[in-house]
C-alpha atoms as a PDB file:
ATOM      1  CA  UNK A   1      11.229 -24.235 -97.008  1.00  0.00           C
ATOM      2  CA  UNK A   2      10.569 -20.905 -98.300  1.00  0.00           C
ATOM      3  CA  UNK A   3       8.295 -19.781-101.380  1.00  0.00           C
ATOM      4  CA  UNK A   4      11.101 -17.849-104.352  1.00  0.00           C
ATOM      5  CA  UNK A   5      10.659 -14.625-104.403  1.00  0.00           C
ATOM      6  CA  UNK A   6       8.475 -12.527-107.350  1.00  0.00           C
ATOM      7  CA  UNK A   7      11.470 -11.938-108.779  1.00  0.00           C
ATOM      8  CA  UNK A   8      12.950 -15.029-108.914  1.00  0.00           C
ATOM      9  CA  UNK A   9       9.493 -16.597-110.597  1.00  0.00           C
ATOM     10  CA  UNK A  10      10.557 -16.336-114.467  1.00  0.00           C
ATOM     11  CA  UNK A  11       7.875 -14.758-116.441  1.00  0.00           C
ATOM     12  CA  UNK A  12       5.853 -16.106-119.065  1.00  0.00           C
ATOM     13  CA  UNK A  13       5.949 -15.228-122.641  1.00  0.00           C
ATOM     14  CA  UNK A  14       3.405 -13.363-124.137  1.00  0.00           C
ATOM     15  CA  UNK A  15       2.118 -13.937-127.167  1.00  0.00           C
ATOM     16  CA  UNK A  16       1.378 -10.617-129.889  1.00  0.00           C
ATOM     17  CA  UNK A  17      -0.815 -10.843-132.691  1.00  0.00           C
ATOM     18  CA  UNK A  18       0.148  -8.970-136.039  1.00  0.00           C
ATOM     19  CA  UNK A  19       3.458  -7.542-135.164  1.00  0.00           C
ATOM     20  CA  UNK A  20       5.267  -5.448-137.605  1.00  0.00           C
ATOM     21  CA  UNK A  21       8.693  -7.005-138.634  1.00  0.00           C
ATOM     22  CA  UNK A  22      10.526  -3.757-140.341  1.00  0.00           C
ATOM     23  CA  UNK A  23      12.286  -3.287-137.902  1.00  0.00           C
ATOM     24  CA  UNK A  24      13.582  -6.307-136.969  1.00  0.00           C
ATOM     25  CA  UNK A  25      15.382  -7.346-139.989  1.00  0.00           C
ATOM     26  CA  UNK A  26      18.411  -5.041-140.889  1.00  0.00           C
ATOM     27  CA  UNK A  27      16.936  -5.265-145.106  1.00  0.00           C
ATOM     28  CA  UNK A  28      13.990  -3.144-143.739  1.00  0.00           C
ATOM     29  CA  UNK A  29      11.541  -5.516-145.768  1.00  0.00           C
ATOM     30  CA  UNK A  30       7.713  -4.650-144.943  1.00  0.00           C
ATOM     31  CA  UNK A  31       6.410  -7.878-143.008  1.00  0.00           C
ATOM     32  CA  UNK A  32       4.450  -9.020-140.546  1.00  0.00           C
ATOM     33  CA  UNK A  33       3.911 -11.676-138.220  1.00  0.00           C
ATOM     34  CA  UNK A  34       0.823 -13.007-137.649  1.00  0.00           C
ATOM     35  CA  UNK A  35       1.872 -14.613-134.051  1.00  0.00           C
ATOM     36  CA  UNK A  36       5.077 -13.493-132.046  1.00  0.00           C
ATOM     37  CA  UNK A  37       6.793 -14.016-129.255  1.00  0.00           C
ATOM     38  CA  UNK A  38       9.997 -12.160-128.078  1.00  0.00           C
ATOM     39  CA  UNK A  39      11.872 -14.755-125.451  1.00  0.00           C
ATOM     40  CA  UNK A  40      13.498 -12.584-122.221  1.00  0.00           C
ATOM     41  CA  UNK A  41      14.560 -16.055-120.859  1.00  0.00           C
ATOM     42  CA  UNK A  42      15.296 -19.577-121.421  1.00  0.00           C
ATOM     43  CA  UNK A  43      12.954 -20.750-118.874  1.00  0.00           C
ATOM     44  CA  UNK A  44      10.459 -19.886-120.770  1.00  0.00           C
ATOM     45  CA  UNK A  45      10.818 -22.275-123.886  1.00  0.00           C
ATOM     46  CA  UNK A  46      10.183 -24.783-121.467  1.00  0.00           C
ATOM     47  CA  UNK A  47       6.776 -23.093-120.682  1.00  0.00           C
ATOM     48  CA  UNK A  48       6.145 -23.003-124.741  1.00  0.00           C
ATOM     49  CA  UNK A  49       6.518 -26.289-124.924  1.00  0.00           C
ATOM     50  CA  UNK A  50       4.434 -27.847-122.030  1.00  0.00           C
ATOM     51  CA  UNK A  51       1.770 -25.462-123.745  1.00  0.00           C
ATOM     52  CA  UNK A  52       2.220 -27.395-127.104  1.00  0.00           C
ATOM     53  CA  UNK A  53       3.556 -24.258-128.735  1.00  0.00           C
ATOM     54  CA  UNK A  54       6.212 -26.424-130.614  1.00  0.00           C
ATOM     55  CA  UNK A  55       3.944 -29.369-131.307  1.00  0.00           C
ATOM     56  CA  UNK A  56       1.469 -26.961-132.934  1.00  0.00           C
ATOM     57  CA  UNK A  57       3.612 -24.427-134.855  1.00  0.00           C
ATOM     58  CA  UNK A  58       6.860 -24.328-136.370  1.00  0.00           C
ATOM     59  CA  UNK A  59       8.673 -21.261-135.297  1.00  0.00           C
ATOM     60  CA  UNK A  60      10.500 -18.718-137.499  1.00  0.00           C
ATOM     61  CA  UNK A  61      13.759 -18.276-134.818  1.00  0.00           C
ATOM     62  CA  UNK A  62      14.692 -14.640-134.792  1.00  0.00           C
ATOM     63  CA  UNK A  63      17.536 -13.075-133.781  1.00  0.00           C
ATOM     64  CA  UNK A  64      18.927  -9.884-134.472  1.00  0.00           C
ATOM     65  CA  UNK A  65      17.581  -9.985-138.156  1.00  0.00           C
ATOM     66  CA  UNK A  66      20.830  -9.297-139.986  1.00  0.00           C
ATOM     67  CA  UNK A  67      21.202 -12.510-141.821  1.00  0.00           C
ATOM     68  CA  UNK A  68      17.626 -12.993-143.115  1.00  0.00           C
ATOM     69  CA  UNK A  69      15.496 -12.214-146.372  1.00  0.00           C
ATOM     70  CA  UNK A  70      11.990 -12.228-145.594  1.00  0.00           C
ATOM     71  CA  UNK A  71      10.392 -13.165-148.988  1.00  0.00           C
ATOM     72  CA  UNK A  72       7.198 -12.977-147.579  1.00  0.00           C
ATOM     73  CA  UNK A  73       5.162 -12.667-144.324  1.00  0.00           C
ATOM     74  CA  UNK A  74       6.360 -15.532-142.247  1.00  0.00           C
ATOM     75  CA  UNK A  75       3.617 -17.962-142.175  1.00  0.00           C
ATOM     76  CA  UNK A  76       4.765 -19.542-138.648  1.00  0.00           C
ATOM     77  CA  UNK A  77       4.802 -17.797-135.402  1.00  0.00           C
ATOM     78  CA  UNK A  78       8.169 -15.553-134.767  1.00  0.00           C
ATOM     79  CA  UNK A  79      10.121 -16.524-131.877  1.00  0.00           C
ATOM     80  CA  UNK A  80      12.211 -13.114-131.359  1.00  0.00           C
ATOM     81  CA  UNK A  81      15.587 -14.486-128.885  1.00  0.00           C
ATOM     82  CA  UNK A  82      16.198 -11.721-126.904  1.00  0.00           C
ATOM     83  CA  UNK A  83      17.867 -13.316-123.954  1.00  0.00           C
ATOM     84  CA  UNK A  84      20.517 -11.196-122.059  1.00  0.00           C
ATOM     85  CA  UNK A  85      23.504 -11.478-120.259  1.00  0.00           C
ATOM     86  CA  UNK A  86      27.878 -12.036-120.234  1.00  0.00           C
ATOM     87  CA  UNK A  87      29.565 -13.615-117.764  1.00  0.00           C
ATOM     88  CA  UNK A  88      33.100 -14.305-117.469  1.00  0.00           C
ATOM     89  CA  UNK A  89      32.905 -18.703-115.966  1.00  0.00           C
ATOM     90  CA  UNK A  90      36.300 -19.750-115.552  1.00  0.00           C
ATOM     91  CA  UNK A  91      39.967 -18.690-116.116  1.00  0.00           C
ATOM     92  CA  UNK A  92      42.948 -21.062-116.336  1.00  0.00           C
ATOM     93  CA  UNK A  93      46.435 -20.640-117.879  1.00  0.00           C
ATOM     94  CA  UNK A  94      45.767 -17.598-119.473  1.00  0.00           C
ATOM     95  CA  UNK A  95      42.859 -18.261-121.269  1.00  0.00           C
ATOM     96  CA  UNK A  96      39.269 -17.214-120.004  1.00  0.00           C
ATOM     97  CA  UNK A  97      35.976 -18.671-120.777  1.00  0.00           C
ATOM     98  CA  UNK A  98      33.152 -16.127-121.229  1.00  0.00           C
ATOM     99  CA  UNK A  99      29.433 -17.405-121.299  1.00  0.00           C
ATOM    100  CA  UNK A 100      27.016 -14.713-123.331  1.00  0.00           C
ATOM    101  CA  UNK A 101      23.483 -15.326-123.755  1.00  0.00           C
ATOM    102  CA  UNK A 102      21.868 -15.418-127.121  1.00  0.00           C
ATOM    103  CA  UNK A 103      20.136 -12.248-127.241  1.00  0.00           C
ATOM    104  CA  UNK A 104      23.030 -10.035-126.760  1.00  0.00           C
ATOM    105  CA  UNK A 105      24.161  -8.141-129.992  1.00  0.00           C
ATOM    106  CA  UNK A 106      27.566  -9.414-131.120  1.00  0.00           C
ATOM    107  CA  UNK A 107      29.253  -6.365-131.704  1.00  0.00           C
ATOM    108  CA  UNK A 108      28.189  -5.678-127.944  1.00  0.00           C
ATOM    109  CA  UNK A 109      30.152  -8.789-126.554  1.00  0.00           C
ATOM    110  CA  UNK A 110      33.005  -8.025-129.206  1.00  0.00           C
ATOM    111  CA  UNK A 111      33.209  -4.376-127.426  1.00  0.00           C
ATOM    112  CA  UNK A 112      33.364  -5.698-123.866  1.00  0.00           C
ATOM    113  CA  UNK A 113      35.750  -8.312-124.855  1.00  0.00           C
ATOM    114  CA  UNK A 114      38.147  -5.595-126.115  1.00  0.00           C
ATOM    115  CA  UNK A 115      37.000  -3.343-122.846  1.00  0.00           C
ATOM    116  CA  UNK A 116      38.128  -5.958-120.448  1.00  0.00           C
ATOM    117  CA  UNK A 117      41.492  -6.983-122.571  1.00  0.00           C
ATOM    118  CA  UNK A 118      40.206 -10.318-123.849  1.00  0.00           C
ATOM    119  CA  UNK A 119      41.263 -11.356-127.523  1.00  0.00           C
ATOM    120  CA  UNK A 120      39.728 -13.102-129.870  1.00  0.00           C
ATOM    121  CA  UNK A 121      36.919 -11.900-131.594  1.00  0.00           C
ATOM    122  CA  UNK A 122      38.306  -8.530-131.988  1.00  0.00           C
ATOM    123  CA  UNK A 123      38.308  -8.987-135.946  1.00  0.00           C
ATOM    124  CA  UNK A 124      35.010  -9.979-135.666  1.00  0.00           C
ATOM    125  CA  UNK A 125      33.647  -6.233-134.635  1.00  0.00           C
ATOM    126  CA  UNK A 126      30.764  -4.682-136.372  1.00  0.00           C
ATOM    127  CA  UNK A 127      29.366  -8.144-137.531  1.00  0.00           C
ATOM    128  CA  UNK A 128      25.322  -7.385-137.376  1.00  0.00           C
ATOM    129  CA  UNK A 129      23.254 -10.197-135.378  1.00  0.00           C
ATOM    130  CA  UNK A 130      23.418 -11.558-131.704  1.00  0.00           C
ATOM    131  CA  UNK A 131      25.439 -14.142-130.294  1.00  0.00           C
ATOM    132  CA  UNK A 132      23.108 -17.166-131.047  1.00  0.00           C
ATOM    133  CA  UNK A 133      23.189 -16.785-134.391  1.00  0.00           C
ATOM    134  CA  UNK A 134      27.527 -16.471-134.743  1.00  0.00           C
ATOM    135  CA  UNK A 135      27.929 -19.862-134.156  1.00  0.00           C
ATOM    136  CA  UNK A 136      25.182 -21.402-136.651  1.00  0.00           C
ATOM    137  CA  UNK A 137      26.467 -19.000-139.186  1.00  0.00           C
ATOM    138  CA  UNK A 138      30.108 -19.280-138.217  1.00  0.00           C
ATOM    139  CA  UNK A 139      30.523 -15.761-138.673  1.00  0.00           C
ATOM    140  CA  UNK A 140      34.098 -14.905-139.735  1.00  0.00           C
ATOM    141  CA  UNK A 141      35.948 -11.887-140.970  1.00  0.00           C
ATOM    142  CA  UNK A 142      39.395 -10.416-141.745  1.00  0.00           C
ATOM    143  CA  UNK A 143      41.337 -13.812-141.127  1.00  0.00           C
ATOM    144  CA  UNK A 144      39.170 -14.881-137.937  1.00  0.00           C
ATOM    145  CA  UNK A 145      36.489 -17.360-137.609  1.00  0.00           C
ATOM    146  CA  UNK A 146      34.120 -18.075-134.670  1.00  0.00           C
ATOM    147  CA  UNK A 147      34.822 -21.936-134.460  1.00  0.00           C
ATOM    148  CA  UNK A 148      38.707 -20.448-133.878  1.00  0.00           C
ATOM    149  CA  UNK A 149      37.447 -19.280-130.219  1.00  0.00           C
ATOM    150  CA  UNK A 150      34.492 -21.598-129.557  1.00  0.00           C
ATOM    151  CA  UNK A 151      34.393 -23.870-126.735  1.00  0.00           C
ATOM    152  CA  UNK A 152      30.549 -24.918-126.216  1.00  0.00           C
ATOM    153  CA  UNK A 153      26.818 -23.802-126.409  1.00  0.00           C
ATOM    154  CA  UNK A 154      23.701 -24.586-124.765  1.00  0.00           C
ATOM    155  CA  UNK A 155      20.462 -25.525-126.758  1.00  0.00           C
ATOM    156  CA  UNK A 156      16.790 -26.213-126.252  1.00  0.00           C
ATOM    157  CA  UNK A 157      16.204 -29.408-128.279  1.00  0.00           C
ATOM    158  CA  UNK A 158      12.557 -28.820-129.304  1.00  0.00           C
ATOM    159  CA  UNK A 159      11.298 -32.162-129.554  1.00  0.00           C
ATOM    160  CA  UNK A 160      12.538 -33.214-125.774  1.00  0.00           C
ATOM    161  CA  UNK A 161      12.054 -30.179-124.568  1.00  0.00           C
ATOM    162  CA  UNK A 162      15.526 -30.698-122.531  1.00  0.00           C
ATOM    163  CA  UNK A 163      18.489 -28.146-123.200  1.00  0.00           C
ATOM    164  CA  UNK A 164      21.883 -30.064-123.939  1.00  0.00           C
ATOM    165  CA  UNK A 165      25.561 -28.377-124.458  1.00  0.00           C
ATOM    166  CA  UNK A 166      27.656 -28.988-127.766  1.00  0.00           C
ATOM    167  CA  UNK A 167      31.081 -29.264-127.912  1.00  0.00           C
ATOM    168  CA  UNK A 168      33.330 -28.092-130.604  1.00  0.00           C
ATOM    169  CA  UNK A 169      33.137 -31.443-132.341  1.00  0.00           C
ATOM    170  CA  UNK A 170      29.579 -32.027-132.534  1.00  0.00           C
ATOM    171  CA  UNK A 171      29.121 -28.543-133.782  1.00  0.00           C
ATOM    172  CA  UNK A 172      30.472 -29.927-138.060  1.00  0.00           C
ATOM    173  CA  UNK A 173      31.966 -26.118-138.616  1.00  0.00           C
ATOM    174  CA  UNK A 174      32.825 -25.497-141.935  1.00  0.00           C
ATOM    175  CA  UNK A 175      32.970 -22.291-143.968  1.00  0.00           C
ATOM    176  CA  UNK A 176      30.053 -19.935-142.890  1.00  0.00           C
ATOM    177  CA  UNK A 177      28.320 -23.371-141.884  1.00  0.00           C
ATOM    178  CA  UNK A 178      27.429 -25.470-139.087  1.00  0.00           C
ATOM    179  CA  UNK A 179      25.125 -28.782-138.381  1.00  0.00           C
ATOM    180  CA  UNK A 180      22.559 -25.632-137.085  1.00  0.00           C
ATOM    181  CA  UNK A 181      22.066 -24.813-140.243  1.00  0.00           C
ATOM    182  CA  UNK A 182      21.386 -28.239-141.631  1.00  0.00           C
ATOM    183  CA  UNK A 183      20.877 -31.766-139.706  1.00  0.00           C
ATOM    184  CA  UNK A 184      19.449 -29.361-136.713  1.00  0.00           C
ATOM    185  CA  UNK A 185      18.008 -26.744-138.239  1.00  0.00           C
ATOM    186  CA  UNK A 186      14.466 -25.932-137.192  1.00  0.00           C
ATOM    187  CA  UNK A 187      15.177 -28.491-134.453  1.00  0.00           C
ATOM    188  CA  UNK A 188      17.475 -26.580-131.465  1.00  0.00           C
ATOM    189  CA  UNK A 189      17.439 -23.431-130.401  1.00  0.00           C
ATOM    190  CA  UNK A 190      20.444 -21.717-129.181  1.00  0.00           C
ATOM    191  CA  UNK A 191      20.149 -20.314-125.709  1.00  0.00           C
ATOM    192  CA  UNK A 192      23.735 -19.027-124.544  1.00  0.00           C
ATOM    193  CA  UNK A 193      26.994 -19.395-125.638  1.00  0.00           C
ATOM    194  CA  UNK A 194      30.746 -19.969-124.141  1.00  0.00           C
ATOM    195  CA  UNK A 195      33.912 -18.850-125.533  1.00  0.00           C
ATOM    196  CA  UNK A 196      37.924 -19.600-125.079  1.00  0.00           C
ATOM    197  CA  UNK A 197      39.469 -16.244-125.104  1.00  0.00           C
ATOM    198  CA  UNK A 198      42.670 -14.867-124.334  1.00  0.00           C
ATOM    199  CA  UNK A 199      44.420 -12.652-121.246  1.00  0.00           C
ATOM    200  CA  UNK A 200      47.708 -10.650-122.588  1.00  0.00           C
ATOM    201  CA  UNK A 201      50.201 -11.354-124.527  1.00  0.00           C
ATOM    202  CA  UNK A 202      47.145 -11.794-126.995  1.00  0.00           C
ATOM    203  CA  UNK A 203      47.935 -13.752-130.573  1.00  0.00           C
ATOM    204  CA  UNK A 204      47.117 -10.731-133.500  1.00  0.00           C
ATOM    205  CA  UNK A 205      46.257 -11.806-136.594  1.00  0.00           C
ATOM    206  CA  UNK A 206      46.649  -9.078-139.125  1.00  0.00           C
ATOM    207  CA  UNK A 207      47.157 -10.783-142.512  1.00  0.00           C
ATOM    208  CA  UNK A 208      44.514  -9.304-144.365  1.00  0.00           C
ATOM    209  CA  UNK A 209      45.545  -6.265-146.725  1.00  0.00           C
ATOM    210  CA  UNK A 210      42.963  -3.751-145.556  1.00  0.00           C
ATOM    211  CA  UNK A 211      44.688  -4.129-141.886  1.00  0.00           C
ATOM    212  CA  UNK A 212      47.932  -4.222-142.841  1.00  0.00           C
ATOM    213  CA  UNK A 213      47.409  -1.143-145.426  1.00  0.00           C
ATOM    214  CA  UNK A 214      45.440   0.608-141.936  1.00  0.00           C
ATOM    215  CA  UNK A 215      48.362  -0.069-139.992  1.00  0.00           C
ATOM    216  CA  UNK A 216      50.784   1.066-142.179  1.00  0.00           C
ATOM    217  CA  UNK A 217      48.711   4.619-142.774  1.00  0.00           C
ATOM    218  CA  UNK A 218      48.261   4.980-138.852  1.00  0.00           C
ATOM    219  CA  UNK A 219      52.323   4.110-138.343  1.00  0.00           C
ATOM    220  CA  UNK A 220      51.309   1.194-135.981  1.00  0.00           C
ATOM    221  CA  UNK A 221      53.737  -1.560-136.221  1.00  0.00           C
ATOM    222  CA  UNK A 222      53.028  -3.566-133.286  1.00  0.00           C
ATOM    223  CA  UNK A 223      48.952  -3.569-133.131  1.00  0.00           C
ATOM    224  CA  UNK A 224      47.065  -4.491-130.060  1.00  0.00           C
ATOM    225  CA  UNK A 225      43.718  -6.312-129.817  1.00  0.00           C
ATOM    226  CA  UNK A 226      41.946  -2.385-129.576  1.00  0.00           C
ATOM    227  CA  UNK A 227      44.061  -1.159-132.318  1.00  0.00           C
ATOM    228  CA  UNK A 228      42.510  -4.252-134.431  1.00  0.00           C
ATOM    229  CA  UNK A 229      39.082  -3.715-132.998  1.00  0.00           C
ATOM    230  CA  UNK A 230      39.375  -0.206-134.137  1.00  0.00           C
ATOM    231  CA  UNK A 231      40.997  -1.314-137.980  1.00  0.00           C
ATOM    232  CA  UNK A 232      38.019  -3.590-138.371  1.00  0.00           C
ATOM    233  CA  UNK A 233      35.631  -0.826-137.709  1.00  0.00           C
ATOM    234  CA  UNK A 234      36.965   1.858-139.941  1.00  0.00           C
ATOM    235  CA  UNK A 235      37.228  -0.566-142.505  1.00  0.00           C
ATOM    236  CA  UNK A 236      33.534  -2.141-142.798  1.00  0.00           C
ATOM    237  CA  UNK A 237      32.131   1.335-142.059  1.00  0.00           C
ATOM    238  CA  UNK A 238      33.877   2.455-145.146  1.00  0.00           C
ATOM    239  CA  UNK A 239      32.799  -0.102-147.390  1.00  0.00           C
ATOM    240  CA  UNK A 240      28.910  -1.351-145.623  1.00  0.00           C
ATOM    241  CA  UNK A 241      26.585   0.828-145.309  1.00  0.00           C
ATOM    242  CA  UNK A 242      24.496   1.137-141.896  1.00  0.00           C
ATOM    243  CA  UNK A 243      21.533  -0.801-142.099  1.00  0.00           C
ATOM    244  CA  UNK A 244      19.671   1.870-139.754  1.00  0.00           C
ATOM    245  CA  UNK A 245      19.726   4.416-142.778  1.00  0.00           C
ATOM    246  CA  UNK A 246      20.070   2.345-145.967  1.00  0.00           C
ATOM    247  CA  UNK A 247      18.198  -1.175-145.100  1.00  0.00           C
ATOM    248  CA  UNK A 248      21.170  -4.396-146.026  1.00  0.00           C
ATOM    249  CA  UNK A 249      22.077  -7.526-144.730  1.00  0.00           C
ATOM    250  CA  UNK A 250      25.720  -7.247-145.291  1.00  0.00           C
ATOM    251  CA  UNK A 251      27.375  -9.578-147.515  1.00  0.00           C
ATOM    252  CA  UNK A 252      24.585 -11.525-149.161  1.00  0.00           C
ATOM    253  CA  UNK A 253      26.933 -14.351-151.033  1.00  0.00           C
ATOM    254  CA  UNK A 254      29.201 -16.270-149.418  1.00  0.00           C
ATOM    255  CA  UNK A 255      33.151 -16.011-150.979  1.00  0.00           C
ATOM    256  CA  UNK A 256      33.354 -19.131-153.583  1.00  0.00           C
ATOM    257  CA  UNK A 257      36.233 -21.672-153.304  1.00  0.00           C
ATOM    258  CA  UNK A 258      37.094 -22.848-157.202  1.00  0.00           C
ATOM    259  CA  UNK A 259      40.338 -25.266-158.247  1.00  0.00           C
ATOM    260  CA  UNK A 260      43.584 -24.362-158.446  1.00  0.00           C
ATOM    261  CA  UNK A 261      43.024 -24.774-162.135  1.00  0.00           C
ATOM    262  CA  UNK A 262      39.908 -22.725-162.581  1.00  0.00           C
ATOM    263  CA  UNK A 263      42.192 -19.908-160.841  1.00  0.00           C
ATOM    264  CA  UNK A 264      44.566 -20.142-163.346  1.00  0.00           C
ATOM    265  CA  UNK A 265      42.080 -20.154-166.353  1.00  0.00           C
ATOM    266  CA  UNK A 266      40.693 -16.905-164.631  1.00  0.00           C
ATOM    267  CA  UNK A 267      44.255 -15.537-164.153  1.00  0.00           C
ATOM    268  CA  UNK A 268      44.601 -15.300-167.783  1.00  0.00           C
ATOM    269  CA  UNK A 269      42.106 -12.789-168.627  1.00  0.00           C
ATOM    270  CA  UNK A 270      42.432 -10.867-165.168  1.00  0.00           C
ATOM    271  CA  UNK A 271      45.771 -11.108-163.756  1.00  0.00           C
ATOM    272  CA  UNK A 272      44.689  -8.910-161.259  1.00  0.00           C
ATOM    273  CA  UNK A 273      42.288 -11.405-159.179  1.00  0.00           C
ATOM    274  CA  UNK A 274      42.558 -11.718-155.529  1.00  0.00           C
ATOM    275  CA  UNK A 275      42.426 -15.101-153.796  1.00  0.00           C
ATOM    276  CA  UNK A 276      42.909 -16.530-150.432  1.00  0.00           C
ATOM    277  CA  UNK A 277      44.610 -20.351-150.273  1.00  0.00           C
ATOM    278  CA  UNK A 278      42.675 -22.660-148.604  1.00  0.00           C
ATOM    279  CA  UNK A 279      42.311 -26.483-148.366  1.00  0.00           C
ATOM    280  CA  UNK A 280      42.463 -29.336-150.600  1.00  0.00           C
ATOM    281  CA  UNK A 281      44.419 -27.464-153.506  1.00  0.00           C
ATOM    282  CA  UNK A 282      41.260 -24.923-153.222  1.00  0.00           C
ATOM    283  CA  UNK A 283      41.525 -21.057-153.307  1.00  0.00           C
ATOM    284  CA  UNK A 284      38.854 -18.657-152.181  1.00  0.00           C
ATOM    285  CA  UNK A 285      37.817 -15.499-154.218  1.00  0.00           C
ATOM    286  CA  UNK A 286      35.846 -12.719-152.930  1.00  0.00           C
ATOM    287  CA  UNK A 287      32.129 -12.300-154.537  1.00  0.00           C
ATOM    288  CA  UNK A 288      32.358  -8.804-154.416  1.00  0.00           C
ATOM    289  CA  UNK A 289      35.235  -8.750-156.638  1.00  0.00           C
ATOM    290  CA  UNK A 290      33.344 -11.167-159.109  1.00  0.00           C
ATOM    291  CA  UNK A 291      29.638  -9.361-158.790  1.00  0.00           C
ATOM    292  CA  UNK A 292      31.762  -5.951-159.811  1.00  0.00           C
ATOM    293  CA  UNK A 293      33.707  -7.740-162.777  1.00  0.00           C
ATOM    294  CA  UNK A 294      30.065  -8.535-163.813  1.00  0.00           C
ATOM    295  CA  UNK A 295      29.071  -5.323-163.575  1.00  0.00           C
ATOM    296  CA  UNK A 296      26.416  -4.819-160.863  1.00  0.00           C
ATOM    297  CA  UNK A 297      28.531  -2.551-158.101  1.00  0.00           C
ATOM    298  CA  UNK A 298      26.156   0.453-157.771  1.00  0.00           C
ATOM    299  CA  UNK A 299      23.745  -0.714-159.986  1.00  0.00           C
ATOM    300  CA  UNK A 300      20.139  -0.128-159.069  1.00  0.00           C
ATOM    301  CA  UNK A 301      17.079  -1.374-160.421  1.00  0.00           C
ATOM    302  CA  UNK A 302      13.519  -0.129-158.913  1.00  0.00           C
ATOM    303  CA  UNK A 303      13.951   0.024-154.987  1.00  0.00           C
ATOM    304  CA  UNK A 304      16.779  -2.476-154.810  1.00  0.00           C
ATOM    305  CA  UNK A 305      20.112  -2.208-155.818  1.00  0.00           C
ATOM    306  CA  UNK A 306      23.778  -3.395-154.898  1.00  0.00           C
ATOM    307  CA  UNK A 307      26.189  -0.903-153.271  1.00  0.00           C
ATOM    308  CA  UNK A 308      28.144   1.640-154.722  1.00  0.00           C
ATOM    309  CA  UNK A 309      31.050   0.536-152.305  1.00  0.00           C
ATOM    310  CA  UNK A 310      30.860  -2.864-152.157  1.00  0.00           C
ATOM    311  CA  UNK A 311      29.158  -5.239-154.734  1.00  0.00           C
ATOM    312  CA  UNK A 312      28.662  -7.778-152.138  1.00  0.00           C
ATOM    313  CA  UNK A 313      26.196  -5.900-150.415  1.00  0.00           C
ATOM    314  CA  UNK A 314      22.375  -5.518-151.711  1.00  0.00           C
ATOM    315  CA  UNK A 315      20.457  -2.523-150.861  1.00  0.00           C
ATOM    316  CA  UNK A 316      17.166  -1.744-149.933  1.00  0.00           C
ATOM    317  CA  UNK A 317      16.375   1.852-150.554  1.00  0.00           C
ATOM    318  CA  UNK A 318      13.083   2.245-149.591  1.00  0.00           C
ATOM    319  CA  UNK A 319       9.902   0.199-150.019  1.00  0.00           C
ATOM    320  CA  UNK A 320      11.467  -2.829-151.343  1.00  0.00           C
ATOM    321  CA  UNK A 321       9.322  -6.184-151.050  1.00  0.00           C
ATOM    322  CA  UNK A 322      11.476  -9.293-150.106  1.00  0.00           C
ATOM    323  CA  UNK A 323      10.195 -10.784-153.551  1.00  0.00           C
ATOM    324  CA  UNK A 324      12.378  -7.603-155.409  1.00  0.00           C
ATOM    325  CA  UNK A 325      15.193  -8.155-153.296  1.00  0.00           C
ATOM    326  CA  UNK A 326      15.223 -11.916-153.837  1.00  0.00           C
ATOM    327  CA  UNK A 327      14.881 -11.623-157.725  1.00  0.00           C
ATOM    328  CA  UNK A 328      17.897  -9.049-157.722  1.00  0.00           C
ATOM    329  CA  UNK A 329      20.261 -11.376-155.876  1.00  0.00           C
ATOM    330  CA  UNK A 330      18.892 -14.235-158.509  1.00  0.00           C
ATOM    331  CA  UNK A 331      19.794 -11.910-161.380  1.00  0.00           C
ATOM    332  CA  UNK A 332      23.556 -11.501-159.710  1.00  0.00           C
ATOM    333  CA  UNK A 333      23.936 -15.262-159.671  1.00  0.00           C
ATOM    334  CA  UNK A 334      23.346 -15.667-162.937  1.00  0.00           C
ATOM    335  CA  UNK A 335      24.939 -13.011-164.441  1.00  0.00           C
ATOM    336  CA  UNK A 336      28.349 -14.325-162.330  1.00  0.00           C
ATOM    337  CA  UNK A 337      27.668 -17.784-163.511  1.00  0.00           C
ATOM    338  CA  UNK A 338      27.386 -17.105-167.402  1.00  0.00           C
ATOM    339  CA  UNK A 339      30.109 -14.554-166.986  1.00  0.00           C
ATOM    340  CA  UNK A 340      32.883 -16.851-164.839  1.00  0.00           C
ATOM    341  CA  UNK A 341      31.345 -20.184-164.356  1.00  0.00           C
ATOM    342  CA  UNK A 342      31.025 -19.630-160.940  1.00  0.00           C
ATOM    343  CA  UNK A 343      28.380 -20.264-158.760  1.00  0.00           C
ATOM    344  CA  UNK A 344      27.335 -17.908-156.188  1.00  0.00           C
ATOM    345  CA  UNK A 345      25.726 -19.213-152.922  1.00  0.00           C
ATOM    346  CA  UNK A 346      23.727 -16.765-150.733  1.00  0.00           C
ATOM    347  CA  UNK A 347      25.390 -16.607-147.137  1.00  0.00           C
ATOM    348  CA  UNK A 348      21.678 -14.504-146.260  1.00  0.00           C
ATOM    349  CA  UNK A 349      18.535 -17.122-145.152  1.00  0.00           C
ATOM    350  CA  UNK A 350      15.832 -16.605-147.028  1.00  0.00           C
ATOM    351  CA  UNK A 351      12.426 -17.230-145.487  1.00  0.00           C
ATOM    352  CA  UNK A 352       9.649 -18.179-148.049  1.00  0.00           C
END
């Protein structure tokens, strides 16, 4: 049997010391990792396991750094997931299974699907972060959530050193939530995700007011997935700051769900309150609307502020510490709680 070529032998992971993370989190927090590994392929996880890396440490898993607040310098080693690759695995009955490595930038995947005329995630354009983080958060926007197109994912089990495939029924998906944020947090590492996408004719999700307004203004009566993709990018760019110029983590808080009776009381004082029906006699209220009504839109305190065009976004004007951003978020939560009696839950993961 011939020896494997040098190209086929996976490179060993390299441990770096005192790694600056300021460009690896979209809030632009200045933080330093005492130990840092950039993971380029899944087999490197096996090597790290065999070397006792996981037994001796509880690493911070870092994807695109778009949904994280580094409150302090990480006390544990940082494992950056940079595994590349997109491939079509199977086609049948108009469906296409697309397998994507965890390190691929999410928007790059969305762009690739639209360019290849594959429908299903065009509403999720321009969401920051990597593919590996998408199912953990069960990302969603403009009427679509990841779980609607999710097929399977592969994850590395840290305890056993083996890889496991998770079907949708095993992921316990909920609003901005999954089993990977709860029972399996810090126990598995996502290495790839497979989505079930569609060939034409594509079902189009355009129920959100902002999308309908855009199509009306553009005189688009039968939008394609490219039209939806373009609309979402236009809307997001008009509302959200670019992290390259103004540090932010996108939506800092989840949209809260309230009982119908609470909505009725709220409508007595604010008849214009926007809401979206949900299950179990609940309605979803935009957190940005609550924050704006509480007086926080465009408000700045020192190096931290609430974005002037979207109150749901907390921004770093430059030099803000993680603690300063955390304190700002807590003030917003307290203000909304006092004014409306509604509790806001952070969407961003806080690393102590």
